[in-house]
């Protein structure tokens, strides 16, 4: 049976692997994960940890969230308009 770890647990194991106090096999055995998976998490941490300190990524996320909120607001306005005008739209179809 596969053991499912949350992102925090994966990061903790990747940091432990980077620390080097224990071998991949020792860590993997203790936490019931495959050593190659642990190696993969370590590689991801090495490659992408700089993103945590990159202010541009936060700005992009904030911009995307603002865009999605704008789209939701627009859709809600369209739905309200349709609800208000549904009766008159149905009458126009029958004519």
PDB file of N, CA and C in Angstrom:
ATOM      1  N   UNK A   1       0.837  -1.179   0.000  1.00  0.00           N
ATOM      2  CA  UNK A   1       0.000   0.000   0.000  1.00  0.00           C
ATOM      3  C   UNK A   1       0.889   1.252   0.000  1.00  0.00           C
ATOM      4  N   UNK A   2       0.554   2.193  -0.846  1.00  0.00           N
ATOM      5  CA  UNK A   2       1.322   3.428  -0.942  1.00  0.00           C
ATOM      6  C   UNK A   2       1.025   4.336   0.225  1.00  0.00           C
ATOM      7  N   UNK A   3       2.064   4.968   0.712  1.00  0.00           N
ATOM      8  CA  UNK A   3       1.894   5.937   1.791  1.00  0.00           C
ATOM      9  C   UNK A   3       1.760   7.316   1.164  1.00  0.00           C
ATOM     10  N   UNK A   4       0.687   8.011   1.501  1.00  0.00           N
ATOM     11  CA  UNK A   4       0.472   9.344   0.972  1.00  0.00           C
ATOM     12  C   UNK A   4       0.979  10.373   1.972  1.00  0.00           C
ATOM     13  N   UNK A   5       1.839  11.255   1.488  1.00  0.00           N
ATOM     14  CA  UNK A   5       2.387  12.301   2.333  1.00  0.00           C
ATOM     15  C   UNK A   5       1.892  13.650   1.842  1.00  0.00           C
ATOM     16  N   UNK A   6       1.648  14.548   2.772  1.00  0.00           N
ATOM     17  CA  UNK A   6       1.228  15.888   2.379  1.00  0.00           C
ATOM     18  C   UNK A   6       2.466  16.697   1.976  1.00  0.00           C
ATOM     19  N   UNK A   7       2.276  17.847   1.334  1.00  0.00           N
ATOM     20  CA  UNK A   7       3.417  18.648   0.877  1.00  0.00           C
ATOM     21  C   UNK A   7       4.394  19.026   1.994  1.00  0.00           C
ATOM     22  N   UNK A   8       3.876  19.283   3.179  1.00  0.00           N
ATOM     23  CA  UNK A   8       4.750  19.628   4.299  1.00  0.00           C
ATOM     24  C   UNK A   8       5.672  18.462   4.646  1.00  0.00           C
ATOM     25  N   UNK A   9       5.127  17.261   4.681  1.00  0.00           N
ATOM     26  CA  UNK A   9       5.931  16.078   4.991  1.00  0.00           C
ATOM     27  C   UNK A   9       6.986  15.841   3.908  1.00  0.00           C
ATOM     28  N   UNK A  10       6.604  16.021   2.651  1.00  0.00           N
ATOM     29  CA  UNK A  10       7.551  15.840   1.556  1.00  0.00           C
ATOM     30  C   UNK A  10       8.695  16.842   1.655  1.00  0.00           C
ATOM     31  N   UNK A  11       8.354  18.092   1.960  1.00  0.00           N
ATOM     32  CA  UNK A  11       9.376  19.134   2.088  1.00  0.00           C
ATOM     33  C   UNK A  11      10.315  18.821   3.248  1.00  0.00           C
ATOM     34  N   UNK A  12       9.759  18.349   4.354  1.00  0.00           N
ATOM     35  CA  UNK A  12      10.573  18.007   5.517  1.00  0.00           C
ATOM     36  C   UNK A  12      11.553  16.891   5.178  1.00  0.00           C
ATOM     37  N   UNK A  13      11.079  15.886   4.459  1.00  0.00           N
ATOM     38  CA  UNK A  13      11.953  14.780   4.062  1.00  0.00           C
ATOM     39  C   UNK A  13      13.008  15.244   3.056  1.00  0.00           C
ATOM     40  N   UNK A  14      12.614  16.108   2.139  1.00  0.00           N
ATOM     41  CA  UNK A  14      13.573  16.624   1.161  1.00  0.00           C
ATOM     42  C   UNK A  14      14.667  17.428   1.854  1.00  0.00           C
ATOM     43  N   UNK A  15      14.279  18.236   2.839  1.00  0.00           N
ATOM     44  CA  UNK A  15      15.270  18.989   3.612  1.00  0.00           C
ATOM     45  C   UNK A  15      16.197  18.056   4.394  1.00  0.00           C
ATOM     46  N   UNK A  16      15.623  17.001   4.960  1.00  0.00           N
ATOM     47  CA  UNK A  16      16.439  16.021   5.690  1.00  0.00           C
ATOM     48  C   UNK A  16      17.425  15.342   4.742  1.00  0.00           C
ATOM     49  N   UNK A  17      16.974  15.068   3.522  1.00  0.00           N
ATOM     50  CA  UNK A  17      17.860  14.449   2.529  1.00  0.00           C
ATOM     51  C   UNK A  17      18.988  15.402   2.150  1.00  0.00           C
ATOM     52  N   UNK A  18      18.661  16.689   2.038  1.00  0.00           N
ATOM     53  CA  UNK A  18      19.684  17.681   1.705  1.00  0.00           C
ATOM     54  C   UNK A  18      20.678  17.851   2.855  1.00  0.00           C
ATOM     55  N   UNK A  19      20.191  17.724   4.073  1.00  0.00           N
ATOM     56  CA  UNK A  19      21.038  17.872   5.247  1.00  0.00           C
ATOM     57  C   UNK A  19      22.148  16.824   5.257  1.00  0.00           C
ATOM     58  N   UNK A  20      21.832  15.612   4.841  1.00  0.00           N
ATOM     59  CA  UNK A  20      22.844  14.572   4.707  1.00  0.00           C
ATOM     60  C   UNK A  20      23.208  13.849   5.981  1.00  0.00           C
ATOM     61  N   UNK A  21      22.476  14.069   7.069  1.00  0.00           N
ATOM     62  CA  UNK A  21      22.771  13.349   8.314  1.00  0.00           C
ATOM     63  C   UNK A  21      22.485  11.859   8.179  1.00  0.00           C
ATOM     64  N   UNK A  22      21.506  11.523   7.351  1.00  0.00           N
ATOM     65  CA  UNK A  22      21.146  10.130   7.118  1.00  0.00           C
ATOM     66  C   UNK A  22      21.168   9.868   5.622  1.00  0.00           C
ATOM     67  N   UNK A  23      21.344   8.619   5.250  1.00  0.00           N
ATOM     68  CA  UNK A  23      21.333   8.261   3.830  1.00  0.00           C
ATOM     69  C   UNK A  23      19.898   8.240   3.326  1.00  0.00           C
ATOM     70  N   UNK A  24      19.766   8.234   1.994  1.00  0.00           N
ATOM     71  CA  UNK A  24      18.440   8.131   1.393  1.00  0.00           C
ATOM     72  C   UNK A  24      17.747   6.866   1.874  1.00  0.00           C
ATOM     73  N   UNK A  25      18.475   5.776   1.916  1.00  0.00           N
ATOM     74  CA  UNK A  25      17.875   4.507   2.330  1.00  0.00           C
ATOM     75  C   UNK A  25      17.401   4.556   3.777  1.00  0.00           C
ATOM     76  N   UNK A  26      18.171   5.190   4.658  1.00  0.00           N
ATOM     77  CA  UNK A  26      17.760   5.297   6.058  1.00  0.00           C
ATOM     78  C   UNK A  26      16.487   6.140   6.190  1.00  0.00           C
ATOM     79  N   UNK A  27      16.479   7.292   5.540  1.00  0.00           N
ATOM     80  CA  UNK A  27      15.288   8.151   5.589  1.00  0.00           C
ATOM     81  C   UNK A  27      14.074   7.460   4.980  1.00  0.00           C
ATOM     82  N   UNK A  28      14.299   6.839   3.833  1.00  0.00           N
ATOM     83  CA  UNK A  28      13.190   6.174   3.142  1.00  0.00           C
ATOM     84  C   UNK A  28      12.615   5.051   3.990  1.00  0.00           C
ATOM     85  N   UNK A  29      13.485   4.292   4.626  1.00  0.00           N
ATOM     86  CA  UNK A  29      13.032   3.198   5.477  1.00  0.00           C
ATOM     87  C   UNK A  29      12.249   3.712   6.682  1.00  0.00           C
ATOM     88  N   UNK A  30      12.744   4.765   7.306  1.00  0.00           N
ATOM     89  CA  UNK A  30      12.069   5.328   8.478  1.00  0.00           C
ATOM     90  C   UNK A  30      10.671   5.854   8.150  1.00  0.00           C
ATOM     91  N   UNK A  31      10.530   6.412   6.961  1.00  0.00           N
ATOM     92  CA  UNK A  31       9.265   7.070   6.599  1.00  0.00           C
ATOM     93  C   UNK A  31       8.449   6.279   5.579  1.00  0.00           C
ATOM     94  N   UNK A  32       8.891   5.068   5.294  1.00  0.00           N
ATOM     95  CA  UNK A  32       8.175   4.152   4.406  1.00  0.00           C
ATOM     96  C   UNK A  32       7.906   4.752   3.029  1.00  0.00           C
ATOM     97  N   UNK A  33       8.929   5.340   2.447  1.00  0.00           N
ATOM     98  CA  UNK A  33       8.852   5.829   1.074  1.00  0.00           C
ATOM     99  C   UNK A  33      10.016   5.212   0.295  1.00  0.00           C
ATOM    100  N   UNK A  34       9.911   5.238  -1.003  1.00  0.00           N
ATOM    101  CA  UNK A  34      10.970   4.679  -1.837  1.00  0.00           C
ATOM    102  C   UNK A  34      12.129   5.674  -1.932  1.00  0.00           C
ATOM    103  N   UNK A  35      13.361   5.189  -1.860  1.00  0.00           N
ATOM    104  CA  UNK A  35      14.513   6.096  -1.943  1.00  0.00           C
ATOM    105  C   UNK A  35      14.541   6.943  -3.213  1.00  0.00           C
ATOM    106  N   UNK A  36      14.072   6.399  -4.326  1.00  0.00           N
ATOM    107  CA  UNK A  36      14.069   7.188  -5.564  1.00  0.00           C
ATOM    108  C   UNK A  36      13.051   8.334  -5.480  1.00  0.00           C
ATOM    109  N   UNK A  37      11.955   8.114  -4.758  1.00  0.00           N
ATOM    110  CA  UNK A  37      10.977   9.187  -4.564  1.00  0.00           C
ATOM    111  C   UNK A  37      11.577  10.288  -3.705  1.00  0.00           C
ATOM    112  N   UNK A  38      12.293   9.898  -2.687  1.00  0.00           N
ATOM    113  CA  UNK A  38      12.971  10.859  -1.824  1.00  0.00           C
ATOM    114  C   UNK A  38      13.997  11.668  -2.616  1.00  0.00           C
ATOM    115  N   UNK A  39      14.704  10.998  -3.485  1.00  0.00           N
ATOM    116  CA  UNK A  39      15.670  11.679  -4.348  1.00  0.00           C
ATOM    117  C   UNK A  39      14.980  12.680  -5.261  1.00  0.00           C
ATOM    118  N   UNK A  40      13.820  12.315  -5.779  1.00  0.00           N
ATOM    119  CA  UNK A  40      13.052  13.214  -6.650  1.00  0.00           C
ATOM    120  C   UNK A  40      12.607  14.463  -5.885  1.00  0.00           C
ATOM    121  N   UNK A  41      12.127  14.286  -4.657  1.00  0.00           N
ATOM    122  CA  UNK A  41      11.704  15.433  -3.852  1.00  0.00           C
ATOM    123  C   UNK A  41      12.880  16.357  -3.561  1.00  0.00           C
ATOM    124  N   UNK A  42      14.038  15.770  -3.312  1.00  0.00           N
ATOM    125  CA  UNK A  42      15.238  16.573  -3.062  1.00  0.00           C
ATOM    126  C   UNK A  42      15.595  17.401  -4.299  1.00  0.00           C
ATOM    127  N   UNK A  43      15.514  16.774  -5.478  1.00  0.00           N
ATOM    128  CA  UNK A  43      15.810  17.490  -6.724  1.00  0.00           C
ATOM    129  C   UNK A  43      14.838  18.657  -6.935  1.00  0.00           C
ATOM    130  N   UNK A  44      13.569  18.413  -6.657  1.00  0.00           N
ATOM    131  CA  UNK A  44      12.564  19.472  -6.799  1.00  0.00           C
ATOM    132  C   UNK A  44      12.891  20.622  -5.851  1.00  0.00           C
ATOM    133  N   UNK A  45      13.237  20.300  -4.613  1.00  0.00           N
ATOM    134  CA  UNK A  45      13.580  21.334  -3.639  1.00  0.00           C
ATOM    135  C   UNK A  45      14.791  22.136  -4.111  1.00  0.00           C
ATOM    136  N   UNK A  46      15.784  21.452  -4.630  1.00  0.00           N
ATOM    137  CA  UNK A  46      16.987  22.133  -5.110  1.00  0.00           C
ATOM    138  C   UNK A  46      16.679  23.053  -6.287  1.00  0.00           C
ATOM    139  N   UNK A  47      15.830  22.593  -7.192  1.00  0.00           N
ATOM    140  CA  UNK A  47      15.524  23.361  -8.401  1.00  0.00           C
ATOM    141  C   UNK A  47      14.577  24.530  -8.149  1.00  0.00           C
ATOM    142  N   UNK A  48      13.624  24.370  -7.243  1.00  0.00           N
ATOM    143  CA  UNK A  48      12.529  25.324  -7.150  1.00  0.00           C
ATOM    144  C   UNK A  48      12.454  26.107  -5.847  1.00  0.00           C
ATOM    145  N   UNK A  49      13.357  25.881  -4.928  1.00  0.00           N
ATOM    146  CA  UNK A  49      13.275  26.584  -3.647  1.00  0.00           C
ATOM    147  C   UNK A  49      13.436  28.096  -3.803  1.00  0.00           C
ATOM    148  N   UNK A  50      14.147  28.529  -4.835  1.00  0.00           N
ATOM    149  CA  UNK A  50      14.321  29.971  -5.055  1.00  0.00           C
ATOM    150  C   UNK A  50      12.990  30.672  -5.306  1.00  0.00           C
ATOM    151  N   UNK A  51      11.984  29.931  -5.781  1.00  0.00           N
ATOM    152  CA  UNK A  51      10.681  30.538  -6.056  1.00  0.00           C
ATOM    153  C   UNK A  51      10.030  31.103  -4.796  1.00  0.00           C
ATOM    154  N   UNK A  52      10.383  30.551  -3.655  1.00  0.00           N
ATOM    155  CA  UNK A  52       9.820  31.042  -2.396  1.00  0.00           C
ATOM    156  C   UNK A  52      10.227  32.478  -2.112  1.00  0.00           C
ATOM    157  N   UNK A  53      11.347  32.899  -2.670  1.00  0.00           N
ATOM    158  CA  UNK A  53      11.875  34.223  -2.391  1.00  0.00           C
ATOM    159  C   UNK A  53      11.726  35.176  -3.569  1.00  0.00           C
ATOM    160  N   UNK A  54      10.999  34.761  -4.591  1.00  0.00           N
ATOM    161  CA  UNK A  54      10.829  35.556  -5.793  1.00  0.00           C
ATOM    162  C   UNK A  54       9.538  36.380  -5.687  1.00  0.00           C
ATOM    163  N   UNK A  55       9.653  37.700  -5.525  1.00  0.00           N
ATOM    164  CA  UNK A  55       8.445  38.521  -5.358  1.00  0.00           C
ATOM    165  C   UNK A  55       7.564  38.552  -6.604  1.00  0.00           C
ATOM    166  N   UNK A  56       8.128  38.278  -7.769  1.00  0.00           N
ATOM    167  CA  UNK A  56       7.339  38.316  -9.001  1.00  0.00           C
ATOM    168  C   UNK A  56       6.300  37.206  -9.034  1.00  0.00           C
ATOM    169  N   UNK A  57       6.591  36.059  -8.445  1.00  0.00           N
ATOM    170  CA  UNK A  57       5.617  34.968  -8.419  1.00  0.00           C
ATOM    171  C   UNK A  57       4.396  35.352  -7.616  1.00  0.00           C
ATOM    172  N   UNK A  58       4.588  36.042  -6.501  1.00  0.00           N
ATOM    173  CA  UNK A  58       3.450  36.460  -5.685  1.00  0.00           C
ATOM    174  C   UNK A  58       2.601  37.457  -6.455  1.00  0.00           C
ATOM    175  N   UNK A  59       3.249  38.366  -7.169  1.00  0.00           N
ATOM    176  CA  UNK A  59       2.500  39.342  -7.945  1.00  0.00           C
ATOM    177  C   UNK A  59       1.671  38.662  -9.025  1.00  0.00           C
ATOM    178  N   UNK A  60       2.232  37.657  -9.678  1.00  0.00           N
ATOM    179  CA  UNK A  60       1.490  36.933 -10.713  1.00  0.00           C
ATOM    180  C   UNK A  60       0.297  36.209 -10.108  1.00  0.00           C
ATOM    181  N   UNK A  61       0.502  35.611  -8.946  1.00  0.00           N
ATOM    182  CA  UNK A  61      -0.605  34.925  -8.276  1.00  0.00           C
ATOM    183  C   UNK A  61      -1.703  35.921  -7.910  1.00  0.00           C
ATOM    184  N   UNK A  62      -1.303  37.047  -7.357  1.00  0.00           N
ATOM    185  CA  UNK A  62      -2.273  38.065  -6.969  1.00  0.00           C
ATOM    186  C   UNK A  62      -3.016  38.599  -8.184  1.00  0.00           C
ATOM    187  N   UNK A  63      -2.309  38.790  -9.295  1.00  0.00           N
ATOM    188  CA  UNK A  63      -2.949  39.259 -10.523  1.00  0.00           C
ATOM    189  C   UNK A  63      -3.947  38.218 -11.030  1.00  0.00           C
ATOM    190  N   UNK A  64      -3.573  36.959 -10.973  1.00  0.00           N
ATOM    191  CA  UNK A  64      -4.461  35.884 -11.440  1.00  0.00           C
ATOM    192  C   UNK A  64      -5.709  35.812 -10.567  1.00  0.00           C
ATOM    193  N   UNK A  65      -5.525  35.931  -9.262  1.00  0.00           N
ATOM    194  CA  UNK A  65      -6.665  35.909  -8.345  1.00  0.00           C
ATOM    195  C   UNK A  65      -7.593  37.083  -8.623  1.00  0.00           C
ATOM    196  N   UNK A  66      -7.023  38.263  -8.828  1.00  0.00           N
ATOM    197  CA  UNK A  66      -7.833  39.446  -9.125  1.00  0.00           C
ATOM    198  C   UNK A  66      -8.600  39.256 -10.430  1.00  0.00           C
ATOM    199  N   UNK A  67      -7.956  38.678 -11.433  1.00  0.00           N
ATOM    200  CA  UNK A  67      -8.618  38.424 -12.722  1.00  0.00           C
ATOM    201  C   UNK A  67      -9.765  37.430 -12.550  1.00  0.00           C
ATOM    202  N   UNK A  68      -9.531  36.369 -11.790  1.00  0.00           N
ATOM    203  CA  UNK A  68     -10.592  35.387 -11.552  1.00  0.00           C
ATOM    204  C   UNK A  68     -11.756  35.995 -10.772  1.00  0.00           C
ATOM    205  N   UNK A  69     -11.450  36.832  -9.786  1.00  0.00           N
ATOM    206  CA  UNK A  69     -12.508  37.505  -9.030  1.00  0.00           C
ATOM    207  C   UNK A  69     -13.311  38.439  -9.935  1.00  0.00           C
ATOM    208  N   UNK A  70     -12.628  39.117 -10.850  1.00  0.00           N
ATOM    209  CA  UNK A  70     -13.312  39.999 -11.796  1.00  0.00           C
ATOM    210  C   UNK A  70     -14.244  39.182 -12.681  1.00  0.00           C
ATOM    211  N   UNK A  71     -13.754  38.033 -13.156  1.00  0.00           N
ATOM    212  CA  UNK A  71     -14.567  37.178 -14.020  1.00  0.00           C
ATOM    213  C   UNK A  71     -15.790  36.652 -13.270  1.00  0.00           C
ATOM    214  N   UNK A  72     -15.608  36.277 -12.010  1.00  0.00           N
ATOM    215  CA  UNK A  72     -16.729  35.792 -11.210  1.00  0.00           C
ATOM    216  C   UNK A  72     -17.770  36.891 -11.038  1.00  0.00           C
ATOM    217  N   UNK A  73     -17.305  38.099 -10.741  1.00  0.00           N
ATOM    218  CA  UNK A  73     -18.219  39.233 -10.591  1.00  0.00           C
ATOM    219  C   UNK A  73     -19.000  39.496 -11.867  1.00  0.00           C
ATOM    220  N   UNK A  74     -18.308  39.408 -13.006  1.00  0.00           N
ATOM    221  CA  UNK A  74     -18.968  39.623 -14.293  1.00  0.00           C
ATOM    222  C   UNK A  74     -20.026  38.555 -14.532  1.00  0.00           C
ATOM    223  N   UNK A  75     -19.697  37.303 -14.233  1.00  0.00           N
ATOM    224  CA  UNK A  75     -20.660  36.206 -14.431  1.00  0.00           C
ATOM    225  C   UNK A  75     -21.867  36.375 -13.516  1.00  0.00           C
ATOM    226  N   UNK A  76     -21.610  36.791 -12.282  1.00  0.00           N
ATOM    227  CA  UNK A  76     -22.724  37.000 -11.349  1.00  0.00           C
ATOM    228  C   UNK A  76     -23.645  38.103 -11.854  1.00  0.00           C
ATOM    229  N   UNK A  77     -23.072  39.161 -12.397  1.00  0.00           N
ATOM    230  CA  UNK A  77     -23.878  40.252 -12.946  1.00  0.00           C
ATOM    231  C   UNK A  77     -24.689  39.756 -14.139  1.00  0.00           C
ATOM    232  N   UNK A  78     -24.082  38.938 -14.982  1.00  0.00           N
ATOM    233  CA  UNK A  78     -24.796  38.392 -16.145  1.00  0.00           C
ATOM    234  C   UNK A  78     -25.942  37.492 -15.707  1.00  0.00           C
ATOM    235  N   UNK A  79     -25.710  36.680 -14.690  1.00  0.00           N
ATOM    236  CA  UNK A  79     -26.761  35.780 -14.182  1.00  0.00           C
ATOM    237  C   UNK A  79     -27.917  36.592 -13.617  1.00  0.00           C
ATOM    238  N   UNK A  80     -27.604  37.634 -12.845  1.00  0.00           N
ATOM    239  CA  UNK A  80     -28.655  38.491 -12.286  1.00  0.00           C
ATOM    240  C   UNK A  80     -29.453  39.160 -13.405  1.00  0.00           C
ATOM    241  N   UNK A  81     -28.780  39.631 -14.442  1.00  0.00           N
ATOM    242  CA  UNK A  81     -29.464  40.261 -15.572  1.00  0.00           C
ATOM    243  C   UNK A  81     -30.391  39.258 -16.242  1.00  0.00           C
ATOM    244  N   UNK A  82     -29.881  38.034 -16.442  1.00  0.00           N
ATOM    245  CA  UNK A  82     -30.712  37.005 -17.073  1.00  0.00           C
ATOM    246  C   UNK A  82     -31.931  36.663 -16.217  1.00  0.00           C
ATOM    247  N   UNK A  83     -31.734  36.571 -14.906  1.00  0.00           N
ATOM    248  CA  UNK A  83     -32.858  36.287 -14.018  1.00  0.00           C
ATOM    249  C   UNK A  83     -33.916  37.378 -14.111  1.00  0.00           C
ATOM    250  N   UNK A  84     -33.490  38.644 -14.137  1.00  0.00           N
ATOM    251  CA  UNK A  84     -34.421  39.770 -14.202  1.00  0.00           C
ATOM    252  C   UNK A  84     -35.148  39.815 -15.537  1.00  0.00           C
ATOM    253  N   UNK A  85     -34.469  39.421 -16.595  1.00  0.00           N
ATOM    254  CA  UNK A  85     -35.026  39.566 -17.935  1.00  0.00           C
ATOM    255  C   UNK A  85     -35.557  38.266 -18.526  1.00  0.00           C
ATOM    256  N   UNK A  86     -35.558  37.200 -17.763  1.00  0.00           N
ATOM    257  CA  UNK A  86     -36.011  35.905 -18.269  1.00  0.00           C
ATOM    258  C   UNK A  86     -37.453  35.957 -18.743  1.00  0.00           C
ATOM    259  N   UNK A  87     -38.310  36.566 -17.975  1.00  0.00           N
ATOM    260  CA  UNK A  87     -39.725  36.625 -18.336  1.00  0.00           C
ATOM    261  C   UNK A  87     -39.917  37.355 -19.668  1.00  0.00           C
ATOM    262  N   UNK A  88     -39.295  38.497 -19.831  1.00  0.00           N
ATOM    263  CA  UNK A  88     -39.469  39.251 -21.073  1.00  0.00           C
ATOM    264  C   UNK A  88     -38.816  38.532 -22.251  1.00  0.00           C
ATOM    265  N   UNK A  89     -37.742  37.813 -22.015  1.00  0.00           N
ATOM    266  CA  UNK A  89     -37.107  37.049 -23.092  1.00  0.00           C
ATOM    267  C   UNK A  89     -38.022  35.912 -23.553  1.00  0.00           C
ATOM    268  N   UNK A  90     -38.699  35.270 -22.622  1.00  0.00           N
ATOM    269  CA  UNK A  90     -39.627  34.191 -22.974  1.00  0.00           C
ATOM    270  C   UNK A  90     -40.809  34.742 -23.782  1.00  0.00           C
ATOM    271  N   UNK A  91     -41.312  35.910 -23.427  1.00  0.00           N
ATOM    272  CA  UNK A  91     -42.428  36.517 -24.160  1.00  0.00           C
ATOM    273  C   UNK A  91     -42.020  36.877 -25.587  1.00  0.00           C
ATOM    274  N   UNK A  92     -40.818  37.357 -25.761  1.00  0.00           N
ATOM    275  CA  UNK A  92     -40.341  37.726 -27.095  1.00  0.00           C
ATOM    276  C   UNK A  92     -40.197  36.500 -27.986  1.00  0.00           C
ATOM    277  N   UNK A  93     -39.815  35.363 -27.432  1.00  0.00           N
ATOM    278  CA  UNK A  93     -39.684  34.132 -28.213  1.00  0.00           C
ATOM    279  C   UNK A  93     -41.029  33.670 -28.771  1.00  0.00           C
ATOM    280  N   UNK A  94     -42.092  33.808 -27.975  1.00  0.00           N
ATOM    281  CA  UNK A  94     -43.408  33.316 -28.363  1.00  0.00           C
ATOM    282  C   UNK A  94     -44.015  34.182 -29.461  1.00  0.00           C
ATOM    283  N   UNK A  95     -43.618  35.424 -29.575  1.00  0.00           N
ATOM    284  CA  UNK A  95     -44.219  36.346 -30.558  1.00  0.00           C
ATOM    285  C   UNK A  95     -43.831  36.005 -31.958  1.00  0.00           C
TER     286      UNK A  95
END
